[in-house]
Amino acid sequence: MRVRWTVTLLEKAVGKLVDKLGLDVELGWAEANYLHMWDFHETKLDAEDVKRRVPMIMRLIRLTEEALLEKKQNKD
């Protein structure tokens, strides 16, 4: 049993989501992962660097919300 996500598992999950939801998942994930590495861990980005990435990350969030809502509606 795995206790935590690994980069390998995350990449596999992203690949499956790209197959189902499209390229915007890959783009949003790439931006979110970049922020995680270079701002959260390394603190190398400024506010403009972060702001530039927000729209693609928000698109990923919207796609996720829509997919979950659709799944819930199909289940009911």
PDB file of N, CA and C in Angstrom:
ATOM      1  N   MET A   1       0.840  -1.185   0.000  1.00  0.00           N
ATOM      2  CA  MET A   1       0.000   0.000   0.000  1.00  0.00           C
ATOM      3  C   MET A   1       0.888   1.253   0.000  1.00  0.00           C
ATOM      4  N   ARG A   2       0.592   2.166  -0.910  1.00  0.00           N
ATOM      5  CA  ARG A   2       1.362   3.412  -0.987  1.00  0.00           C
ATOM      6  C   ARG A   2       0.827   4.408   0.038  1.00  0.00           C
ATOM      7  N   VAL A   3       1.737   5.096   0.686  1.00  0.00           N
ATOM      8  CA  VAL A   3       1.358   6.073   1.697  1.00  0.00           C
ATOM      9  C   VAL A   3       1.205   7.460   1.084  1.00  0.00           C
ATOM     10  N   ARG A   4       1.945   7.737   0.026  1.00  0.00           N
ATOM     11  CA  ARG A   4       1.896   9.060  -0.584  1.00  0.00           C
ATOM     12  C   ARG A   4       2.039   8.963  -2.098  1.00  0.00           C
ATOM     13  N   TRP A   5       1.659  10.055  -2.749  1.00  0.00           N
ATOM     14  CA  TRP A   5       1.808  10.139  -4.196  1.00  0.00           C
ATOM     15  C   TRP A   5       3.283  10.300  -4.535  1.00  0.00           C
ATOM     16  N   THR A   6       3.670   9.721  -5.649  1.00  0.00           N
ATOM     17  CA  THR A   6       5.016   9.922  -6.176  1.00  0.00           C
ATOM     18  C   THR A   6       4.888  10.664  -7.497  1.00  0.00           C
ATOM     19  N   VAL A   7       5.973  11.223  -7.966  1.00  0.00           N
ATOM     20  CA  VAL A   7       5.952  11.904  -9.261  1.00  0.00           C
ATOM     21  C   VAL A   7       5.513  10.939 -10.354  1.00  0.00           C
ATOM     22  N   THR A   8       5.958   9.702 -10.273  1.00  0.00           N
ATOM     23  CA  THR A   8       5.581   8.700 -11.271  1.00  0.00           C
ATOM     24  C   THR A   8       4.073   8.491 -11.285  1.00  0.00           C
ATOM     25  N   LEU A   9       3.462   8.345 -10.117  1.00  0.00           N
ATOM     26  CA  LEU A   9       2.009   8.165 -10.049  1.00  0.00           C
ATOM     27  C   LEU A   9       1.269   9.402 -10.540  1.00  0.00           C
ATOM     28  N   LEU A  10       1.738  10.572 -10.146  1.00  0.00           N
ATOM     29  CA  LEU A  10       1.104  11.805 -10.598  1.00  0.00           C
ATOM     30  C   LEU A  10       1.163  11.930 -12.114  1.00  0.00           C
ATOM     31  N   GLU A  11       2.295  11.629 -12.702  1.00  0.00           N
ATOM     32  CA  GLU A  11       2.435  11.717 -14.159  1.00  0.00           C
ATOM     33  C   GLU A  11       1.509  10.730 -14.867  1.00  0.00           C
ATOM     34  N   LYS A  12       1.369   9.529 -14.322  1.00  0.00           N
ATOM     35  CA  LYS A  12       0.446   8.538 -14.906  1.00  0.00           C
ATOM     36  C   LYS A  12      -0.990   9.042 -14.821  1.00  0.00           C
ATOM     37  N   ALA A  13      -1.349   9.632 -13.678  1.00  0.00           N
ATOM     38  CA  ALA A  13      -2.699  10.169 -13.510  1.00  0.00           C
ATOM     39  C   ALA A  13      -2.952  11.311 -14.489  1.00  0.00           C
ATOM     40  N   VAL A  14      -1.988  12.192 -14.641  1.00  0.00           N
ATOM     41  CA  VAL A  14      -2.128  13.304 -15.586  1.00  0.00           C
ATOM     42  C   VAL A  14      -2.314  12.769 -17.001  1.00  0.00           C
ATOM     43  N   GLY A  15      -1.536  11.768 -17.372  1.00  0.00           N
ATOM     44  CA  GLY A  15      -1.664  11.182 -18.708  1.00  0.00           C
ATOM     45  C   GLY A  15      -3.054  10.635 -18.965  1.00  0.00           C
ATOM     46  N   LYS A  16      -3.627   9.960 -17.982  1.00  0.00           N
ATOM     47  CA  LYS A  16      -4.983   9.416 -18.134  1.00  0.00           C
ATOM     48  C   LYS A  16      -6.016  10.532 -18.226  1.00  0.00           C
ATOM     49  N   LEU A  17      -5.821  11.581 -17.440  1.00  0.00           N
ATOM     50  CA  LEU A  17      -6.749  12.708 -17.500  1.00  0.00           C
ATOM     51  C   LEU A  17      -6.648  13.457 -18.822  1.00  0.00           C
ATOM     52  N   VAL A  18      -5.452  13.566 -19.369  1.00  0.00           N
ATOM     53  CA  VAL A  18      -5.282  14.199 -20.684  1.00  0.00           C
ATOM     54  C   VAL A  18      -6.058  13.413 -21.735  1.00  0.00           C
ATOM     55  N   ASP A  19      -5.993  12.087 -21.664  1.00  0.00           N
ATOM     56  CA  ASP A  19      -6.739  11.249 -22.607  1.00  0.00           C
ATOM     57  C   ASP A  19      -8.238  11.508 -22.520  1.00  0.00           C
ATOM     58  N   LYS A  20      -8.744  11.776 -21.325  1.00  0.00           N
ATOM     59  CA  LYS A  20     -10.182  11.976 -21.124  1.00  0.00           C
ATOM     60  C   LYS A  20     -10.624  13.423 -21.305  1.00  0.00           C
ATOM     61  N   LEU A  21      -9.809  14.368 -20.841  1.00  0.00           N
ATOM     62  CA  LEU A  21     -10.247  15.765 -20.774  1.00  0.00           C
ATOM     63  C   LEU A  21      -9.512  16.709 -21.719  1.00  0.00           C
ATOM     64  N   GLY A  22      -8.406  16.264 -22.295  1.00  0.00           N
ATOM     65  CA  GLY A  22      -7.715  17.090 -23.267  1.00  0.00           C
ATOM     66  C   GLY A  22      -6.421  17.722 -22.772  1.00  0.00           C
ATOM     67  N   LEU A  23      -5.769  18.391 -23.695  1.00  0.00           N
ATOM     68  CA  LEU A  23      -4.437  18.964 -23.490  1.00  0.00           C
ATOM     69  C   LEU A  23      -4.379  20.026 -22.392  1.00  0.00           C
ATOM     70  N   ASP A  24      -5.500  20.703 -22.125  1.00  0.00           N
ATOM     71  CA  ASP A  24      -5.482  21.726 -21.075  1.00  0.00           C
ATOM     72  C   ASP A  24      -5.108  21.142 -19.716  1.00  0.00           C
ATOM     73  N   VAL A  25      -5.378  19.860 -19.503  1.00  0.00           N
ATOM     74  CA  VAL A  25      -4.965  19.217 -18.254  1.00  0.00           C
ATOM     75  C   VAL A  25      -3.440  19.210 -18.167  1.00  0.00           C
ATOM     76  N   GLU A  26      -2.805  18.821 -19.249  1.00  0.00           N
ATOM     77  CA  GLU A  26      -1.331  18.776 -19.280  1.00  0.00           C
ATOM     78  C   GLU A  26      -0.735  20.164 -19.065  1.00  0.00           C
ATOM     79  N   LEU A  27      -1.311  21.154 -19.728  1.00  0.00           N
ATOM     80  CA  LEU A  27      -0.799  22.521 -19.604  1.00  0.00           C
ATOM     81  C   LEU A  27      -0.991  23.068 -18.193  1.00  0.00           C
ATOM     82  N   GLY A  28      -2.161  22.841 -17.627  1.00  0.00           N
ATOM     83  CA  GLY A  28      -2.429  23.304 -16.265  1.00  0.00           C
ATOM     84  C   GLY A  28      -1.548  22.609 -15.248  1.00  0.00           C
ATOM     85  N   TRP A  29      -1.389  21.287 -15.418  1.00  0.00           N
ATOM     86  CA  TRP A  29      -0.529  20.526 -14.516  1.00  0.00           C
ATOM     87  C   TRP A  29       0.918  21.020 -14.608  1.00  0.00           C
ATOM     88  N   ALA A  30       1.388  21.267 -15.811  1.00  0.00           N
ATOM     89  CA  ALA A  30       2.770  21.725 -15.985  1.00  0.00           C
ATOM     90  C   ALA A  30       2.988  23.049 -15.252  1.00  0.00           C
ATOM     91  N   GLU A  31       2.028  23.956 -15.365  1.00  0.00           N
ATOM     92  CA  GLU A  31       2.161  25.255 -14.690  1.00  0.00           C
ATOM     93  C   GLU A  31       2.086  25.101 -13.176  1.00  0.00           C
ATOM     94  N   ALA A  32       1.153  24.285 -12.692  1.00  0.00           N
ATOM     95  CA  ALA A  32       1.012  24.080 -11.247  1.00  0.00           C
ATOM     96  C   ALA A  32       2.256  23.409 -10.670  1.00  0.00           C
ATOM     97  N   ASN A  33       2.764  22.418 -11.368  1.00  0.00           N
ATOM     98  CA  ASN A  33       3.958  21.722 -10.900  1.00  0.00           C
ATOM     99  C   ASN A  33       5.170  22.661 -10.907  1.00  0.00           C
ATOM    100  N   TYR A  34       5.270  23.498 -11.938  1.00  0.00           N
ATOM    101  CA  TYR A  34       6.357  24.480 -12.011  1.00  0.00           C
ATOM    102  C   TYR A  34       6.309  25.420 -10.796  1.00  0.00           C
ATOM    103  N   LEU A  35       5.103  25.917 -10.488  1.00  0.00           N
ATOM    104  CA  LEU A  35       4.970  26.794  -9.323  1.00  0.00           C
ATOM    105  C   LEU A  35       5.348  26.073  -8.039  1.00  0.00           C
ATOM    106  N   HIS A  36       4.908  24.843  -7.929  1.00  0.00           N
ATOM    107  CA  HIS A  36       5.214  24.063  -6.729  1.00  0.00           C
ATOM    108  C   HIS A  36       6.727  23.946  -6.537  1.00  0.00           C
ATOM    109  N   MET A  37       7.418  23.616  -7.603  1.00  0.00           N
ATOM    110  CA  MET A  37       8.867  23.423  -7.496  1.00  0.00           C
ATOM    111  C   MET A  37       9.620  24.741  -7.302  1.00  0.00           C
ATOM    112  N   TRP A  38       9.338  25.722  -8.168  1.00  0.00           N
ATOM    113  CA  TRP A  38      10.175  26.917  -8.197  1.00  0.00           C
ATOM    114  C   TRP A  38       9.714  28.042  -7.282  1.00  0.00           C
ATOM    115  N   ASP A  39       8.487  27.983  -6.800  1.00  0.00           N
ATOM    116  CA  ASP A  39       8.067  29.010  -5.849  1.00  0.00           C
ATOM    117  C   ASP A  39       7.972  28.432  -4.441  1.00  0.00           C
ATOM    118  N   PHE A  40       7.269  27.328  -4.290  1.00  0.00           N
ATOM    119  CA  PHE A  40       7.110  26.746  -2.959  1.00  0.00           C
ATOM    120  C   PHE A  40       8.429  26.202  -2.417  1.00  0.00           C
ATOM    121  N   HIS A  41       9.110  25.380  -3.191  1.00  0.00           N
ATOM    122  CA  HIS A  41      10.350  24.762  -2.709  1.00  0.00           C
ATOM    123  C   HIS A  41      11.568  25.679  -2.824  1.00  0.00           C
ATOM    124  N   GLU A  42      11.711  26.321  -3.948  1.00  0.00           N
ATOM    125  CA  GLU A  42      12.943  27.078  -4.217  1.00  0.00           C
ATOM    126  C   GLU A  42      12.817  28.582  -3.985  1.00  0.00           C
ATOM    127  N   THR A  43      11.622  29.093  -3.880  1.00  0.00           N
ATOM    128  CA  THR A  43      11.357  30.531  -3.730  1.00  0.00           C
ATOM    129  C   THR A  43      12.139  31.393  -4.724  1.00  0.00           C
ATOM    130  N   LYS A  44      12.032  31.045  -5.984  1.00  0.00           N
ATOM    131  CA  LYS A  44      12.773  31.760  -7.034  1.00  0.00           C
ATOM    132  C   LYS A  44      11.886  32.659  -7.895  1.00  0.00           C
ATOM    133  N   LEU A  45      10.563  32.616  -7.711  1.00  0.00           N
ATOM    134  CA  LEU A  45       9.657  33.359  -8.581  1.00  0.00           C
ATOM    135  C   LEU A  45       9.140  34.611  -7.890  1.00  0.00           C
ATOM    136  N   ASP A  46       8.847  35.633  -8.705  1.00  0.00           N
ATOM    137  CA  ASP A  46       8.219  36.825  -8.143  1.00  0.00           C
ATOM    138  C   ASP A  46       6.722  36.796  -8.468  1.00  0.00           C
ATOM    139  N   ALA A  47       6.011  37.824  -8.031  1.00  0.00           N
ATOM    140  CA  ALA A  47       4.556  37.865  -8.190  1.00  0.00           C
ATOM    141  C   ALA A  47       4.132  37.775  -9.654  1.00  0.00           C
ATOM    142  N   GLU A  48       4.849  38.429 -10.537  1.00  0.00           N
ATOM    143  CA  GLU A  48       4.502  38.383 -11.964  1.00  0.00           C
ATOM    144  C   GLU A  48       4.656  36.974 -12.533  1.00  0.00           C
ATOM    145  N   ASP A  49       5.681  36.273 -12.109  1.00  0.00           N
ATOM    146  CA  ASP A  49       5.882  34.890 -12.558  1.00  0.00           C
ATOM    147  C   ASP A  49       4.698  34.021 -12.151  1.00  0.00           C
ATOM    148  N   VAL A  50       4.226  34.231 -10.943  1.00  0.00           N
ATOM    149  CA  VAL A  50       3.095  33.450 -10.435  1.00  0.00           C
ATOM    150  C   VAL A  50       1.815  33.843 -11.166  1.00  0.00           C
ATOM    151  N   LYS A  51       1.538  35.136 -11.261  1.00  0.00           N
ATOM    152  CA  LYS A  51       0.309  35.620 -11.912  1.00  0.00           C
ATOM    153  C   LYS A  51       0.184  35.124 -13.344  1.00  0.00           C
ATOM    154  N   ARG A  52       1.286  35.050 -14.051  1.00  0.00           N
ATOM    155  CA  ARG A  52       1.269  34.609 -15.445  1.00  0.00           C
ATOM    156  C   ARG A  52       0.758  33.174 -15.571  1.00  0.00           C
ATOM    157  N   ARG A  53       0.961  32.373 -14.547  1.00  0.00           N
ATOM    158  CA  ARG A  53       0.579  30.961 -14.596  1.00  0.00           C
ATOM    159  C   ARG A  53      -0.838  30.694 -14.097  1.00  0.00           C
ATOM    160  N   VAL A  54      -1.420  31.642 -13.406  1.00  0.00           N
ATOM    161  CA  VAL A  54      -2.737  31.440 -12.799  1.00  0.00           C
ATOM    162  C   VAL A  54      -3.827  31.067 -13.809  1.00  0.00           C
ATOM    163  N   PRO A  55      -3.944  31.714 -14.966  1.00  0.00           N
ATOM    164  CA  PRO A  55      -5.035  31.357 -15.879  1.00  0.00           C
ATOM    165  C   PRO A  55      -5.039  29.882 -16.305  1.00  0.00           C
ATOM    166  N   MET A  56      -3.888  29.309 -16.581  1.00  0.00           N
ATOM    167  CA  MET A  56      -3.853  27.892 -16.988  1.00  0.00           C
ATOM    168  C   MET A  56      -4.196  26.978 -15.817  1.00  0.00           C
ATOM    169  N   ILE A  57      -3.775  27.361 -14.628  1.00  0.00           N
ATOM    170  CA  ILE A  57      -4.101  26.555 -13.449  1.00  0.00           C
ATOM    171  C   ILE A  57      -5.599  26.647 -13.164  1.00  0.00           C
ATOM    172  N   MET A  58      -6.172  27.826 -13.316  1.00  0.00           N
ATOM    173  CA  MET A  58      -7.618  27.983 -13.128  1.00  0.00           C
ATOM    174  C   MET A  58      -8.392  27.172 -14.160  1.00  0.00           C
ATOM    175  N   ARG A  59      -7.889  27.100 -15.378  1.00  0.00           N
ATOM    176  CA  ARG A  59      -8.533  26.275 -16.410  1.00  0.00           C
ATOM    177  C   ARG A  59      -8.532  24.809 -15.975  1.00  0.00           C
ATOM    178  N   LEU A  60      -7.446  24.350 -15.416  1.00  0.00           N
ATOM    179  CA  LEU A  60      -7.369  22.976 -14.915  1.00  0.00           C
ATOM    180  C   LEU A  60      -8.389  22.757 -13.797  1.00  0.00           C
ATOM    181  N   ILE A  61      -8.518  23.716 -12.912  1.00  0.00           N
ATOM    182  CA  ILE A  61      -9.493  23.603 -11.821  1.00  0.00           C
ATOM    183  C   ILE A  61     -10.907  23.531 -12.378  1.00  0.00           C
ATOM    184  N   ARG A  62     -11.229  24.384 -13.349  1.00  0.00           N
ATOM    185  CA  ARG A  62     -12.570  24.361 -13.959  1.00  0.00           C
ATOM    186  C   ARG A  62     -12.840  23.034 -14.658  1.00  0.00           C
ATOM    187  N   LEU A  63     -11.866  22.537 -15.400  1.00  0.00           N
ATOM    188  CA  LEU A  63     -12.032  21.238 -16.062  1.00  0.00           C
ATOM    189  C   LEU A  63     -12.294  20.134 -15.043  1.00  0.00           C
ATOM    190  N   THR A  64     -11.581  20.179 -13.943  1.00  0.00           N
ATOM    191  CA  THR A  64     -11.754  19.184 -12.893  1.00  0.00           C
ATOM    192  C   THR A  64     -13.146  19.283 -12.284  1.00  0.00           C
ATOM    193  N   GLU A  65     -13.572  20.498 -11.972  1.00  0.00           N
ATOM    194  CA  GLU A  65     -14.909  20.692 -11.402  1.00  0.00           C
ATOM    195  C   GLU A  65     -15.991  20.205 -12.358  1.00  0.00           C
ATOM    196  N   GLU A  66     -15.860  20.532 -13.640  1.00  0.00           N
ATOM    197  CA  GLU A  66     -16.842  20.099 -14.635  1.00  0.00           C
ATOM    198  C   GLU A  66     -16.886  18.583 -14.751  1.00  0.00           C
ATOM    199  N   ALA A  67     -15.723  17.949 -14.757  1.00  0.00           N
ATOM    200  CA  ALA A  67     -15.664  16.491 -14.869  1.00  0.00           C
ATOM    201  C   ALA A  67     -16.293  15.826 -13.652  1.00  0.00           C
ATOM    202  N   LEU A  68     -16.030  16.358 -12.469  1.00  0.00           N
ATOM    203  CA  LEU A  68     -16.615  15.789 -11.254  1.00  0.00           C
ATOM    204  C   LEU A  68     -18.125  15.987 -11.217  1.00  0.00           C
ATOM    205  N   LEU A  69     -18.594  17.150 -11.642  1.00  0.00           N
ATOM    206  CA  LEU A  69     -20.029  17.414 -11.692  1.00  0.00           C
ATOM    207  C   LEU A  69     -20.712  16.471 -12.680  1.00  0.00           C
ATOM    208  N   GLU A  70     -20.105  16.299 -13.841  1.00  0.00           N
ATOM    209  CA  GLU A  70     -20.666  15.394 -14.851  1.00  0.00           C
ATOM    210  C   GLU A  70     -20.717  13.958 -14.324  1.00  0.00           C
ATOM    211  N   LYS A  71     -19.669  13.546 -13.656  1.00  0.00           N
ATOM    212  CA  LYS A  71     -19.634  12.194 -13.091  1.00  0.00           C
ATOM    213  C   LYS A  71     -20.730  12.021 -12.049  1.00  0.00           C
ATOM    214  N   LYS A  72     -20.915  13.038 -11.211  1.00  0.00           N
ATOM    215  CA  LYS A  72     -21.953  12.976 -10.183  1.00  0.00           C
ATOM    216  C   LYS A  72     -23.334  12.917 -10.824  1.00  0.00           C
ATOM    217  N   GLN A  73     -23.574  13.719 -11.852  1.00  0.00           N
ATOM    218  CA  GLN A  73     -24.870  13.732 -12.524  1.00  0.00           C
ATOM    219  C   GLN A  73     -25.155  12.393 -13.198  1.00  0.00           C
ATOM    220  N   ASN A  74     -24.140  11.781 -13.778  1.00  0.00           N
ATOM    221  CA  ASN A  74     -24.322  10.476 -14.418  1.00  0.00           C
ATOM    222  C   ASN A  74     -24.580   9.378 -13.397  1.00  0.00           C
ATOM    223  N   LYS A  75     -24.052   9.577 -12.195  1.00  0.00           N
ATOM    224  CA  LYS A  75     -24.223   8.593 -11.131  1.00  0.00           C
ATOM    225  C   LYS A  75     -25.635   8.648 -10.563  1.00  0.00           C
ATOM    226  N   ASP A  76     -26.195   9.866 -10.482  1.00  0.00           N
ATOM    227  CA  ASP A  76     -27.534  10.051  -9.892  1.00  0.00           C
ATOM    228  C   ASP A  76     -28.604   9.611 -10.803  1.00  0.00           C
TER     229      ASP A  76
END
